[in-house]
Amino acid sequence: MKLYKWSGHTDQAVAILANFPNTPLVFLMNGEEAVLLYESEGAGSLPYTEAYEVLDASGAINGGYFAVFNNIPVAEEGRELFEERFKKRAGLIEKEPGFAAIRVLRPVTTDTYVVLTLWEDEKSFTDWQQSRAYGQAHAKRGTAEGIDRKRDIFPRPSFVQTYIK
């Protein structure tokens, strides 16, 4: 399965939605910036999209109203270790109140992985960040066992983008 992401101005997104009425697009926005998402077993049909392989998925991509894109650049030599970390994830996030969906995405043409989570609202996301489950999921961060301490894995800092439906 692949996930395709288009980014641009909201006016352009609205025009694309009108031109692709039979494509199940998820429309997200942050001010004048918009994102269109869709999942497919085949090739993408929208122009100018970023393609990702879905490594892990839970929940419906069209669920929730608050989307969080955790963009994580990973060097070539760190990909295997990074992906292994997500294959072993405990799945605690799925039990959190307000959780709608998660996608762990491997980039097809860039070095930036995306961990996309969708929530009922922003409060559900911030509650997750302050939860015991979040602490457990990130317990190794900053320790000798954490992959954030491994050399040559992350060429640049990660960054977060948020959108609403």
C-alpha atoms as a PDB file:
ATOM      1  CA  MET A   1       0.000   0.000   0.000  1.00  0.00           C
ATOM      2  CA  LYS A   2       1.166   3.517  -0.745  1.00  0.00           C
ATOM      3  CA  LEU A   3       0.087   6.866   0.600  1.00  0.00           C
ATOM      4  CA  TYR A   4       0.271   9.910  -1.652  1.00  0.00           C
ATOM      5  CA  LYS A   5       0.531  13.442  -0.279  1.00  0.00           C
ATOM      6  CA  TRP A   6      -0.081  16.639  -2.224  1.00  0.00           C
ATOM      7  CA  SER A   7       0.770  19.997  -0.585  1.00  0.00           C
ATOM      8  CA  GLY A   8      -0.120  23.508  -1.705  1.00  0.00           C
ATOM      9  CA  HIS A   9      -2.513  26.432  -1.327  1.00  0.00           C
ATOM     10  CA  THR A  10      -6.080  25.723  -0.200  1.00  0.00           C
ATOM     11  CA  ASP A  11      -7.475  27.210  -3.433  1.00  0.00           C
ATOM     12  CA  GLN A  12      -5.440  24.703  -5.466  1.00  0.00           C
ATOM     13  CA  ALA A  13      -6.613  21.886  -3.208  1.00  0.00           C
ATOM     14  CA  VAL A  14     -10.253  22.813  -3.737  1.00  0.00           C
ATOM     15  CA  ALA A  15      -9.695  22.797  -7.513  1.00  0.00           C
ATOM     16  CA  ILE A  16      -8.063  19.365  -7.329  1.00  0.00           C
ATOM     17  CA  LEU A  17     -10.972  18.025  -5.264  1.00  0.00           C
ATOM     18  CA  ALA A  18     -13.362  19.260  -7.974  1.00  0.00           C
ATOM     19  CA  ASN A  19     -11.264  17.669 -10.747  1.00  0.00           C
ATOM     20  CA  PHE A  20     -10.947  14.293  -9.010  1.00  0.00           C
ATOM     21  CA  PRO A  21     -14.448  13.660  -7.626  1.00  0.00           C
ATOM     22  CA  ASN A  22     -14.056   9.863  -7.638  1.00  0.00           C
ATOM     23  CA  THR A  23     -10.714   9.783  -5.801  1.00  0.00           C
ATOM     24  CA  PRO A  24     -11.107   9.286  -2.020  1.00  0.00           C
ATOM     25  CA  LEU A  25      -9.030  12.291  -0.957  1.00  0.00           C
ATOM     26  CA  VAL A  26      -8.527  13.434   2.625  1.00  0.00           C
ATOM     27  CA  PHE A  27      -8.440  17.257   2.729  1.00  0.00           C
ATOM     28  CA  LEU A  28      -6.457  18.881   5.549  1.00  0.00           C
ATOM     29  CA  MET A  29      -5.527  22.511   6.066  1.00  0.00           C
ATOM     30  CA  ASN A  30      -3.530  24.886   8.216  1.00  0.00           C
ATOM     31  CA  GLY A  31      -4.479  28.438   7.306  1.00  0.00           C
ATOM     32  CA  GLU A  32      -3.888  28.823   3.568  1.00  0.00           C
ATOM     33  CA  GLU A  33      -1.730  25.695   3.374  1.00  0.00           C
ATOM     34  CA  ALA A  34      -3.485  22.468   2.407  1.00  0.00           C
ATOM     35  CA  VAL A  35      -2.641  18.799   2.154  1.00  0.00           C
ATOM     36  CA  LEU A  36      -4.482  16.124   0.193  1.00  0.00           C
ATOM     37  CA  LEU A  37      -3.888  12.479   1.103  1.00  0.00           C
ATOM     38  CA  TYR A  38      -4.968   9.235  -0.430  1.00  0.00           C
ATOM     39  CA  GLU A  39      -4.002   5.611  -0.138  1.00  0.00           C
ATOM     40  CA  SER A  40      -3.799   3.208  -3.046  1.00  0.00           C
ATOM     41  CA  GLU A  41      -2.457  -0.189  -4.003  1.00  0.00           C
ATOM     42  CA  GLY A  42      -1.622   1.228  -7.436  1.00  0.00           C
ATOM     43  CA  ALA A  43       0.106   4.263  -8.853  1.00  0.00           C
ATOM     44  CA  GLY A  44      -0.883   7.759  -7.822  1.00  0.00           C
ATOM     45  CA  SER A  45      -3.298   9.685  -9.996  1.00  0.00           C
ATOM     46  CA  LEU A  46      -2.717  13.216  -8.694  1.00  0.00           C
ATOM     47  CA  PRO A  47       0.133  15.262 -10.143  1.00  0.00           C
ATOM     48  CA  TYR A  48       2.963  16.576  -7.948  1.00  0.00           C
ATOM     49  CA  THR A  49       2.512  14.224  -5.023  1.00  0.00           C
ATOM     50  CA  GLU A  50       5.026  12.769  -2.620  1.00  0.00           C
ATOM     51  CA  ALA A  51       4.790   8.980  -2.450  1.00  0.00           C
ATOM     52  CA  TYR A  52       5.310   6.876   0.660  1.00  0.00           C
ATOM     53  CA  GLU A  53       5.222   3.153   1.331  1.00  0.00           C
ATOM     54  CA  VAL A  54       2.986   2.368   4.288  1.00  0.00           C
ATOM     55  CA  LEU A  55       5.095   0.396   6.784  1.00  0.00           C
ATOM     56  CA  ASP A  56       2.494   0.272   9.529  1.00  0.00           C
ATOM     57  CA  ALA A  57      -1.155   1.291   9.628  1.00  0.00           C
ATOM     58  CA  SER A  58      -3.980   1.302  12.105  1.00  0.00           C
ATOM     59  CA  GLY A  59      -7.326   3.066  11.858  1.00  0.00           C
ATOM     60  CA  ALA A  60      -8.975   4.825   8.919  1.00  0.00           C
ATOM     61  CA  ILE A  61      -6.969   7.527   7.153  1.00  0.00           C
ATOM     62  CA  ASN A  62     -10.138   9.624   6.852  1.00  0.00           C
ATOM     63  CA  GLY A  63     -10.757   9.397  10.613  1.00  0.00           C
ATOM     64  CA  GLY A  64     -10.159  12.188  13.064  1.00  0.00           C
ATOM     65  CA  TYR A  65     -10.066  15.945  12.602  1.00  0.00           C
ATOM     66  CA  PHE A  66      -6.554  16.828  13.822  1.00  0.00           C
ATOM     67  CA  ALA A  67      -3.559  15.478  11.895  1.00  0.00           C
ATOM     68  CA  VAL A  68       0.052  15.442  13.083  1.00  0.00           C
ATOM     69  CA  PHE A  69       2.895  14.821  10.624  1.00  0.00           C
ATOM     70  CA  ASN A  70       6.129  13.973  12.425  1.00  0.00           C
ATOM     71  CA  ASN A  71       8.707  14.375   9.629  1.00  0.00           C
ATOM     72  CA  ILE A  72      11.943  12.513  10.413  1.00  0.00           C
ATOM     73  CA  PRO A  73      14.935  12.691   8.053  1.00  0.00           C
ATOM     74  CA  VAL A  74      16.837   9.383   8.172  1.00  0.00           C
ATOM     75  CA  ALA A  75      20.203   8.723   6.547  1.00  0.00           C
ATOM     76  CA  GLU A  76      20.478   5.709   4.230  1.00  0.00           C
ATOM     77  CA  GLU A  77      22.600   3.804   6.749  1.00  0.00           C
ATOM     78  CA  GLY A  78      19.995   4.379   9.471  1.00  0.00           C
ATOM     79  CA  ARG A  79      16.893   3.224   7.609  1.00  0.00           C
ATOM     80  CA  GLU A  80      16.995  -0.405   8.714  1.00  0.00           C
ATOM     81  CA  LEU A  81      17.421   0.486  12.405  1.00  0.00           C
ATOM     82  CA  PHE A  82      14.746   3.191  12.211  1.00  0.00           C
ATOM     83  CA  GLU A  83      12.226   0.858  10.570  1.00  0.00           C
ATOM     84  CA  GLU A  84      13.022  -1.920  13.046  1.00  0.00           C
ATOM     85  CA  ARG A  85      12.153   0.426  15.904  1.00  0.00           C
ATOM     86  CA  PHE A  86       8.681   0.967  14.468  1.00  0.00           C
ATOM     87  CA  LYS A  87       8.135  -2.731  13.724  1.00  0.00           C
ATOM     88  CA  LYS A  88       8.577  -3.331  17.451  1.00  0.00           C
ATOM     89  CA  ARG A  89       6.318  -0.532  18.632  1.00  0.00           C
ATOM     90  CA  ALA A  90       3.976  -1.536  21.431  1.00  0.00           C
ATOM     91  CA  GLY A  91       0.833  -0.162  19.806  1.00  0.00           C
ATOM     92  CA  LEU A  92      -0.131   1.811  22.893  1.00  0.00           C
ATOM     93  CA  ILE A  93      -1.232   4.841  20.898  1.00  0.00           C
ATOM     94  CA  GLU A  94      -4.202   2.917  19.480  1.00  0.00           C
ATOM     95  CA  LYS A  95      -5.662   2.606  22.988  1.00  0.00           C
ATOM     96  CA  GLU A  96      -5.546   6.328  23.698  1.00  0.00           C
ATOM     97  CA  PRO A  97      -8.820   8.295  23.910  1.00  0.00           C
ATOM     98  CA  GLY A  98      -9.372  10.309  20.744  1.00  0.00           C
ATOM     99  CA  PHE A  99      -6.984   8.267  18.597  1.00  0.00           C
ATOM    100  CA  ALA A 100      -8.241   7.788  15.031  1.00  0.00           C
ATOM    101  CA  ALA A 101      -5.338   6.496  12.893  1.00  0.00           C
ATOM    102  CA  ILE A 102      -1.593   6.089  12.497  1.00  0.00           C
ATOM    103  CA  ARG A 103       0.572   5.613   9.422  1.00  0.00           C
ATOM    104  CA  VAL A 104       4.310   4.985   9.520  1.00  0.00           C
ATOM    105  CA  LEU A 105       5.509   6.070   6.086  1.00  0.00           C
ATOM    106  CA  ARG A 106       8.733   5.263   4.230  1.00  0.00           C
ATOM    107  CA  PRO A 107       9.636   7.912   1.637  1.00  0.00           C
ATOM    108  CA  VAL A 108       9.957   6.757  -1.972  1.00  0.00           C
ATOM    109  CA  THR A 109      12.079   9.636  -3.302  1.00  0.00           C
ATOM    110  CA  THR A 110      13.388  11.547  -0.266  1.00  0.00           C
ATOM    111  CA  ASP A 111      15.051  10.718   3.057  1.00  0.00           C
ATOM    112  CA  THR A 112      12.213  11.964   5.260  1.00  0.00           C
ATOM    113  CA  TYR A 113       9.988   9.387   6.931  1.00  0.00           C
ATOM    114  CA  VAL A 114       6.615  10.496   8.251  1.00  0.00           C
ATOM    115  CA  VAL A 115       4.764   9.261  11.290  1.00  0.00           C
ATOM    116  CA  LEU A 116       1.233  10.495  10.679  1.00  0.00           C
ATOM    117  CA  THR A 117      -1.320  10.366  13.467  1.00  0.00           C
ATOM    118  CA  LEU A 118      -4.937  11.469  13.301  1.00  0.00           C
ATOM    119  CA  TRP A 119      -6.961  12.447  16.341  1.00  0.00           C
ATOM    120  CA  GLU A 120     -10.526  13.454  17.173  1.00  0.00           C
ATOM    121  CA  ASP A 121      -9.173  16.871  18.177  1.00  0.00           C
ATOM    122  CA  GLU A 122      -5.991  18.676  19.246  1.00  0.00           C
ATOM    123  CA  LYS A 123      -6.725  18.039  22.931  1.00  0.00           C
ATOM    124  CA  SER A 124      -6.654  14.273  22.339  1.00  0.00           C
ATOM    125  CA  PHE A 125      -3.198  14.633  20.807  1.00  0.00           C
ATOM    126  CA  THR A 126      -1.830  16.793  23.627  1.00  0.00           C
ATOM    127  CA  ASP A 127      -3.353  14.392  26.183  1.00  0.00           C
ATOM    128  CA  TRP A 128      -1.465  11.553  24.436  1.00  0.00           C
ATOM    129  CA  GLN A 129       1.784  13.521  24.680  1.00  0.00           C
ATOM    130  CA  GLN A 130       1.275  13.865  28.433  1.00  0.00           C
ATOM    131  CA  SER A 131       0.148  10.269  28.965  1.00  0.00           C
ATOM    132  CA  ARG A 132       1.920   7.383  30.614  1.00  0.00           C
ATOM    133  CA  ALA A 133       1.647   5.454  27.329  1.00  0.00           C
ATOM    134  CA  TYR A 134       3.579   8.216  25.526  1.00  0.00           C
ATOM    135  CA  GLY A 135       6.262   8.050  28.183  1.00  0.00           C
ATOM    136  CA  GLN A 136       6.515   4.281  27.704  1.00  0.00           C
ATOM    137  CA  ALA A 137       6.636   4.588  23.912  1.00  0.00           C
ATOM    138  CA  HIS A 138       9.484   7.099  24.127  1.00  0.00           C
ATOM    139  CA  ALA A 139      11.237   5.746  27.235  1.00  0.00           C
ATOM    140  CA  LYS A 140      14.553   5.096  25.457  1.00  0.00           C
ATOM    141  CA  ARG A 141      14.763   8.573  23.923  1.00  0.00           C
ATOM    142  CA  GLY A 142      17.887  10.358  25.131  1.00  0.00           C
ATOM    143  CA  THR A 143      19.377   7.199  26.658  1.00  0.00           C
ATOM    144  CA  ALA A 144      22.240   5.024  25.433  1.00  0.00           C
ATOM    145  CA  GLU A 145      19.625   2.600  24.034  1.00  0.00           C
ATOM    146  CA  GLY A 146      17.696   5.270  22.131  1.00  0.00           C
ATOM    147  CA  ILE A 147      18.208   5.500  18.390  1.00  0.00           C
ATOM    148  CA  ASP A 148      18.371   9.281  18.740  1.00  0.00           C
ATOM    149  CA  ARG A 149      21.821   8.724  20.311  1.00  0.00           C
ATOM    150  CA  LYS A 150      23.109   6.536  17.465  1.00  0.00           C
ATOM    151  CA  ARG A 151      25.613   8.228  15.173  1.00  0.00           C
ATOM    152  CA  ASP A 152      24.876   9.060  11.557  1.00  0.00           C
ATOM    153  CA  ILE A 153      21.174   8.160  11.578  1.00  0.00           C
ATOM    154  CA  PHE A 154      19.505  11.564  11.552  1.00  0.00           C
ATOM    155  CA  PRO A 155      21.129  14.029   9.126  1.00  0.00           C
ATOM    156  CA  ARG A 156      18.819  16.911  10.122  1.00  0.00           C
ATOM    157  CA  PRO A 157      16.378  17.640  12.933  1.00  0.00           C
ATOM    158  CA  SER A 158      12.868  16.286  12.641  1.00  0.00           C
ATOM    159  CA  PHE A 159       9.927  18.679  12.403  1.00  0.00           C
ATOM    160  CA  VAL A 160       6.211  18.523  13.073  1.00  0.00           C
ATOM    161  CA  GLN A 161       3.344  19.876  10.967  1.00  0.00           C
ATOM    162  CA  THR A 162      -0.283  19.953  12.106  1.00  0.00           C
ATOM    163  CA  TYR A 163      -3.488  20.290  10.102  1.00  0.00           C
ATOM    164  CA  ILE A 164      -7.221  20.152  10.671  1.00  0.00           C
ATOM    165  CA  LYS A 165     -10.039  18.820   8.505  1.00  0.00           C
END
